[in-house]
Each structure stands twice: as C-alpha cells, then as structure tokens.
N, C-alpha and C. Protein backbone atom coordinates (compact mmCIF):
# COMPACT_ATOMS: atom_id res chain seq x y z
N UNK A 1 170.89 -84.47 76.35
CA UNK A 1 169.66 -84.46 77.10
C UNK A 1 168.53 -83.80 76.31
N UNK A 2 168.79 -82.59 75.81
CA UNK A 2 167.77 -81.88 75.06
C UNK A 2 167.44 -82.57 73.75
N UNK A 3 168.45 -83.13 73.11
CA UNK A 3 168.22 -83.80 71.84
C UNK A 3 167.29 -85.00 72.00
N UNK A 4 167.43 -85.71 73.09
CA UNK A 4 166.55 -86.85 73.34
C UNK A 4 165.10 -86.37 73.45
N UNK A 5 164.89 -85.27 74.14
CA UNK A 5 163.54 -84.71 74.26
C UNK A 5 163.02 -84.21 72.91
N UNK A 6 163.91 -83.61 72.11
CA UNK A 6 163.51 -83.14 70.78
C UNK A 6 163.01 -84.30 69.94
N UNK A 7 163.76 -85.39 69.96
CA UNK A 7 163.39 -86.53 69.11
C UNK A 7 162.18 -87.28 69.65
N UNK A 8 161.92 -87.19 70.94
CA UNK A 8 160.75 -87.86 71.51
C UNK A 8 159.48 -87.05 71.36
N UNK A 9 159.58 -85.72 71.46
CA UNK A 9 158.38 -84.89 71.51
C UNK A 9 158.23 -83.96 70.32
N UNK A 10 159.30 -83.31 69.91
CA UNK A 10 159.21 -82.31 68.86
C UNK A 10 159.23 -82.95 67.47
N UNK A 11 160.13 -83.88 67.24
CA UNK A 11 160.28 -84.47 65.91
C UNK A 11 159.02 -85.15 65.41
N UNK A 12 158.30 -85.93 66.22
CA UNK A 12 157.05 -86.53 65.71
C UNK A 12 156.02 -85.48 65.26
N UNK A 13 155.95 -84.37 65.97
CA UNK A 13 155.04 -83.29 65.56
C UNK A 13 155.47 -82.67 64.24
N UNK A 14 156.77 -82.45 64.10
CA UNK A 14 157.28 -81.88 62.85
C UNK A 14 157.05 -82.84 61.68
N UNK A 15 157.22 -84.13 61.91
CA UNK A 15 156.99 -85.11 60.86
C UNK A 15 155.55 -85.04 60.36
N UNK A 16 154.61 -84.94 61.26
CA UNK A 16 153.20 -84.86 60.86
C UNK A 16 152.92 -83.58 60.09
N UNK A 17 153.51 -82.48 60.53
CA UNK A 17 153.27 -81.20 59.86
C UNK A 17 153.96 -81.14 58.51
N UNK A 18 155.05 -81.88 58.32
CA UNK A 18 155.74 -81.90 57.04
C UNK A 18 154.86 -82.50 55.94
N UNK A 19 153.90 -83.29 56.31
CA UNK A 19 153.02 -83.93 55.33
C UNK A 19 151.92 -82.99 54.85
N UNK A 20 151.77 -81.84 55.48
CA UNK A 20 150.73 -80.88 55.14
C UNK A 20 151.35 -79.71 54.39
N UNK A 21 150.89 -79.47 53.18
CA UNK A 21 151.45 -78.41 52.34
C UNK A 21 151.30 -77.02 52.96
N UNK A 22 150.21 -76.79 53.69
CA UNK A 22 149.93 -75.46 54.22
C UNK A 22 150.97 -74.99 55.23
N UNK A 23 151.54 -75.92 56.00
CA UNK A 23 152.48 -75.53 57.05
C UNK A 23 153.91 -76.00 56.77
N UNK A 24 154.16 -76.47 55.57
CA UNK A 24 155.48 -76.99 55.24
C UNK A 24 156.57 -75.93 55.41
N UNK A 25 156.32 -74.71 55.00
CA UNK A 25 157.31 -73.64 55.14
C UNK A 25 157.60 -73.33 56.60
N UNK A 26 156.58 -73.41 57.45
CA UNK A 26 156.77 -73.13 58.88
C UNK A 26 157.58 -74.23 59.56
N UNK A 27 157.56 -75.43 59.04
CA UNK A 27 158.26 -76.56 59.63
C UNK A 27 159.74 -76.58 59.22
N UNK A 28 160.06 -75.89 58.15
CA UNK A 28 161.42 -75.95 57.61
C UNK A 28 162.48 -75.46 58.59
N UNK A 29 162.28 -74.32 59.21
CA UNK A 29 163.29 -73.77 60.12
C UNK A 29 163.56 -74.67 61.33
N UNK A 30 162.55 -75.17 62.05
CA UNK A 30 162.87 -76.08 63.16
C UNK A 30 163.51 -77.38 62.70
N UNK A 31 163.14 -77.85 61.51
CA UNK A 31 163.75 -79.08 60.99
C UNK A 31 165.22 -78.86 60.69
N UNK A 32 165.56 -77.74 60.09
CA UNK A 32 166.97 -77.43 59.82
C UNK A 32 167.74 -77.30 61.12
N UNK A 33 167.13 -76.69 62.12
CA UNK A 33 167.79 -76.57 63.42
C UNK A 33 168.11 -77.94 64.00
N UNK A 34 167.14 -78.87 63.95
CA UNK A 34 167.39 -80.22 64.46
C UNK A 34 168.51 -80.91 63.69
N UNK A 35 168.53 -80.74 62.39
CA UNK A 35 169.58 -81.36 61.56
C UNK A 35 170.94 -80.81 61.95
N UNK A 36 171.03 -79.52 62.18
CA UNK A 36 172.31 -78.91 62.55
C UNK A 36 172.80 -79.35 63.92
N UNK A 37 171.88 -79.59 64.85
CA UNK A 37 172.25 -79.91 66.22
C UNK A 37 172.49 -81.40 66.47
N UNK A 38 172.01 -82.26 65.60
CA UNK A 38 172.13 -83.70 65.87
C UNK A 38 173.43 -84.25 65.27
N UNK A 39 173.79 -85.42 65.74
CA UNK A 39 174.98 -86.09 65.21
C UNK A 39 174.64 -86.76 63.88
N UNK A 40 175.66 -87.20 63.17
CA UNK A 40 175.45 -87.89 61.90
C UNK A 40 174.65 -89.17 62.12
N UNK A 41 174.94 -89.88 63.20
CA UNK A 41 174.23 -91.12 63.50
C UNK A 41 172.75 -90.86 63.77
N UNK A 42 172.46 -89.80 64.53
CA UNK A 42 171.06 -89.46 64.81
C UNK A 42 170.35 -89.04 63.53
N UNK A 43 171.05 -88.28 62.71
CA UNK A 43 170.45 -87.84 61.44
C UNK A 43 170.11 -89.04 60.56
N UNK A 44 171.06 -89.96 60.42
CA UNK A 44 170.84 -91.12 59.56
C UNK A 44 169.77 -92.06 60.10
N UNK A 45 169.69 -92.18 61.42
CA UNK A 45 168.74 -93.12 62.02
C UNK A 45 167.34 -92.54 62.19
N UNK A 46 167.23 -91.24 62.45
CA UNK A 46 165.93 -90.67 62.83
C UNK A 46 165.37 -89.75 61.75
N UNK A 47 166.17 -88.81 61.26
CA UNK A 47 165.64 -87.78 60.36
C UNK A 47 165.64 -88.22 58.91
N UNK A 48 166.71 -88.81 58.44
CA UNK A 48 166.83 -89.17 57.03
C UNK A 48 165.72 -90.10 56.54
N UNK A 49 165.30 -91.11 57.29
CA UNK A 49 164.21 -91.95 56.79
C UNK A 49 162.92 -91.18 56.49
N UNK A 50 162.69 -90.09 57.17
CA UNK A 50 161.49 -89.29 56.90
C UNK A 50 161.58 -88.59 55.55
N UNK A 51 162.79 -88.27 55.11
CA UNK A 51 162.97 -87.59 53.84
C UNK A 51 163.10 -88.56 52.68
N UNK A 52 163.42 -89.79 52.93
CA UNK A 52 163.58 -90.76 51.85
C UNK A 52 162.25 -91.17 51.25
N UNK A 53 161.20 -91.19 52.01
CA UNK A 53 159.90 -91.64 51.50
C UNK A 53 159.40 -90.75 50.36
N UNK A 54 159.40 -89.41 50.49
CA UNK A 54 158.98 -88.60 49.34
C UNK A 54 159.92 -88.75 48.15
N UNK A 55 161.20 -88.98 48.40
CA UNK A 55 162.14 -89.17 47.30
C UNK A 55 161.82 -90.37 46.45
N UNK A 56 161.30 -91.42 47.07
CA UNK A 56 160.92 -92.61 46.32
C UNK A 56 159.75 -92.32 45.39
N UNK A 57 158.86 -91.46 45.80
CA UNK A 57 157.72 -91.11 44.95
C UNK A 57 158.15 -90.27 43.75
N UNK A 58 159.20 -89.48 43.92
CA UNK A 58 159.62 -88.59 42.84
C UNK A 58 160.49 -89.30 41.80
N UNK A 59 161.26 -90.28 42.19
CA UNK A 59 162.17 -90.92 41.26
C UNK A 59 161.49 -91.56 40.05
N UNK A 60 160.42 -92.34 40.20
CA UNK A 60 159.78 -92.90 39.01
C UNK A 60 159.22 -91.82 38.09
N UNK A 61 158.66 -90.77 38.64
CA UNK A 61 158.14 -89.68 37.81
C UNK A 61 159.25 -88.99 37.05
N UNK A 62 160.39 -88.82 37.69
CA UNK A 62 161.51 -88.16 37.03
C UNK A 62 162.02 -88.99 35.87
N UNK A 63 162.15 -90.29 36.06
CA UNK A 63 162.67 -91.13 34.98
C UNK A 63 161.68 -91.17 33.82
N UNK A 64 160.39 -91.19 34.09
CA UNK A 64 159.40 -91.19 33.02
C UNK A 64 159.45 -89.88 32.24
N UNK A 65 159.63 -88.79 32.95
CA UNK A 65 159.73 -87.49 32.29
C UNK A 65 160.98 -87.42 31.44
N UNK A 66 162.11 -87.87 31.98
CA UNK A 66 163.35 -87.79 31.22
C UNK A 66 163.30 -88.70 30.00
N UNK A 67 162.65 -89.87 30.10
CA UNK A 67 162.52 -90.75 28.95
C UNK A 67 161.66 -90.12 27.87
N UNK A 68 160.57 -89.47 28.25
CA UNK A 68 159.71 -88.84 27.26
C UNK A 68 160.42 -87.66 26.61
N UNK A 69 161.25 -86.95 27.36
CA UNK A 69 162.02 -85.85 26.78
C UNK A 69 163.03 -86.38 25.77
N UNK A 70 163.64 -87.52 26.04
CA UNK A 70 164.59 -88.11 25.11
C UNK A 70 163.89 -88.55 23.83
N UNK A 71 162.69 -89.06 23.96
CA UNK A 71 161.93 -89.48 22.78
C UNK A 71 161.60 -88.26 21.94
N UNK A 72 161.19 -87.19 22.58
CA UNK A 72 160.88 -85.97 21.84
C UNK A 72 162.11 -85.44 21.11
N UNK A 73 163.26 -85.50 21.77
CA UNK A 73 164.48 -85.01 21.15
C UNK A 73 164.89 -85.87 19.96
N UNK A 74 164.64 -87.17 20.04
CA UNK A 74 165.06 -88.04 18.96
C UNK A 74 164.12 -87.94 17.75
N UNK A 75 162.87 -87.53 17.98
CA UNK A 75 161.94 -87.39 16.86
C UNK A 75 162.30 -86.13 16.11
C-alpha cells in the first residue's frame, strides 16, 4: 500500500530533484530507502530506468577517454 503511494507521489519528485546538482546529495538517502524497500520487479520497472539515462551519457565519454589513454601509452 505505502509503496504504491511512494511510486505515485514521492518518486516523481525525487526524479526531478535528481536532475539538479544542488540537491542531489539530499535526494540520495530517500532514493536508497525506496530501493531497499521495493521488490526487484519494482526496482527494474520503475527505478532502474531513471538511472540508465545518465549512464548512456557517460559511456561514450569513457570509451573516448580510454582510447586516448591507449594512444598516449603506445606513443
């Protein structure tokens, strides 16, 4: 019962605040609490997609950095 309310009312607010650097640290504790209290299915369906989007932005940058480091090492 409470989890349904969390995902309907609290989670959308946390998602918006996660996008703002100034309050990111304040959002961390309630987000971890939600992750601990939800089931694996709820986590995969509701919470995980919110974290995958920033990961996609970091992957190309990481590969470019690692490639340039390899070039430097080979020179």
